[in-house]
């Protein structure tokens, strides 16, 4: 399943996990979501003490604090998620950031 999710991400596609017993209903629900945006640009910026986790470096900039992605389409129910973490202690000291 993870490979399919990655493929959807790389091709700006969407992935929906459906129950085979409810395929007709699930498919109808997908089609009823009104598209509110096409070729949507998403930009997320973190505080400089944070970095993104598990993101392709090609989508990151500004010392890994800015994530930019393009989505094929978006509906009112579209969701995007991401992970982030605190930089290592050595980097924080170098940047003169006191997390306490």
Protein backbone atom coordinates (compact mmCIF):
# COMPACT_ATOMS: atom_id res chain seq x y z
CA UNK A 1 0.00 0.00 0.00
CA UNK A 2 2.88 2.39 0.77
CA UNK A 3 4.24 2.00 -2.77
CA UNK A 4 0.86 2.95 -4.24
CA UNK A 5 0.67 5.99 -1.95
CA UNK A 6 4.15 7.05 -3.06
CA UNK A 7 3.16 6.61 -6.71
CA UNK A 8 0.09 8.78 -6.19
CA UNK A 9 2.28 11.46 -4.60
CA UNK A 10 4.90 11.41 -7.37
CA UNK A 11 2.26 11.65 -10.10
CA UNK A 12 0.18 14.30 -8.30
CA UNK A 13 -2.63 11.77 -8.08
CA UNK A 14 -4.96 10.71 -5.31
CA UNK A 15 -5.37 7.48 -3.43
CA UNK A 16 -8.52 6.24 -1.76
CA UNK A 17 -8.64 2.98 0.16
CA UNK A 18 -12.00 1.30 -0.32
CA UNK A 19 -13.71 -1.76 1.02
CA UNK A 20 -14.47 -4.11 -1.92
CA UNK A 21 -17.90 -4.80 -0.43
CA UNK A 22 -18.73 -1.07 -0.62
CA UNK A 23 -16.99 -0.28 -3.88
CA UNK A 24 -20.06 1.21 -5.60
CA UNK A 25 -20.84 3.52 -2.66
CA UNK A 26 -17.22 4.54 -2.13
CA UNK A 27 -16.76 5.29 -5.83
CA UNK A 28 -19.95 7.37 -5.91
CA UNK A 29 -18.73 9.33 -2.85
CA UNK A 30 -15.43 10.11 -4.57
CA UNK A 31 -17.24 11.50 -7.61
CA UNK A 32 -19.61 13.68 -5.59
CA UNK A 33 -16.79 15.72 -3.96
CA UNK A 34 -16.74 19.02 -5.83
CA UNK A 35 -13.28 20.02 -7.01
CA UNK A 36 -12.43 23.49 -5.68
CA UNK A 37 -8.93 23.75 -7.11
CA UNK A 38 -6.74 22.29 -9.86
CA UNK A 39 -2.93 22.20 -9.86
CA UNK A 40 -2.93 23.41 -6.27
CA UNK A 41 0.37 24.71 -4.87
CA UNK A 42 0.85 23.94 -1.17
CA UNK A 43 3.57 25.69 0.84
CA UNK A 44 4.22 24.91 4.50
CA UNK A 45 6.87 26.77 6.48
CA UNK A 46 8.25 25.64 9.81
CA UNK A 47 10.12 27.57 12.48
CA UNK A 48 13.86 27.40 11.83
CA UNK A 49 14.29 25.11 14.85
CA UNK A 50 12.22 22.43 13.09
CA UNK A 51 12.75 20.21 10.02
CA UNK A 52 10.42 18.04 7.99
CA UNK A 53 10.59 14.27 8.36
CA UNK A 54 10.09 11.68 5.63
CA UNK A 55 9.85 14.20 2.80
CA UNK A 56 11.68 14.07 -0.52
CA UNK A 57 14.51 16.63 -0.49
CA UNK A 58 13.33 17.83 -3.91
CA UNK A 59 10.28 19.39 -2.22
CA UNK A 60 12.28 21.11 0.56
CA UNK A 61 14.04 24.46 0.60
CA UNK A 62 15.35 27.11 3.00
CA UNK A 63 17.39 24.71 5.13
CA UNK A 64 14.56 22.12 5.10
CA UNK A 65 12.04 24.46 6.73
CA UNK A 66 9.86 25.05 3.65
CA UNK A 67 7.88 22.27 1.97
CA UNK A 68 6.33 22.95 -1.44
CA UNK A 69 4.11 20.46 -3.23
CA UNK A 70 1.74 20.57 -6.18
CA UNK A 71 -1.53 18.66 -5.92
CA UNK A 72 -3.52 17.63 -8.99
CA UNK A 73 -6.79 18.77 -7.45
CA UNK A 74 -8.42 19.64 -4.16
CA UNK A 75 -11.92 19.33 -2.76
CA UNK A 76 -13.40 20.85 0.38
CA UNK A 77 -12.56 17.53 2.06
CA UNK A 78 -8.95 17.26 0.85
CA UNK A 79 -6.33 16.75 3.54
CA UNK A 80 -2.57 16.91 3.52
CA UNK A 81 -0.35 15.72 6.33
CA UNK A 82 3.32 16.03 7.13
CA UNK A 83 5.74 15.18 9.90
CA UNK A 84 8.32 17.41 11.51
CA UNK A 85 10.81 17.26 14.35
CA UNK A 86 13.16 19.45 16.33
CA UNK A 87 16.61 19.85 14.81
CA UNK A 88 19.47 18.06 16.53
CA UNK A 89 20.93 19.77 19.59
CA UNK A 90 24.18 20.59 17.78
CA UNK A 91 22.33 22.45 15.01
CA UNK A 92 20.23 24.35 17.56
CA UNK A 93 23.34 25.48 19.43
CA UNK A 94 24.97 26.57 16.17
CA UNK A 95 21.84 28.57 15.33
CA UNK A 96 21.85 30.00 18.86
CA UNK A 97 18.38 28.67 19.58
CA UNK A 98 17.53 27.84 23.18
CA UNK A 99 14.58 25.44 23.15
CA UNK A 100 14.18 25.63 26.91
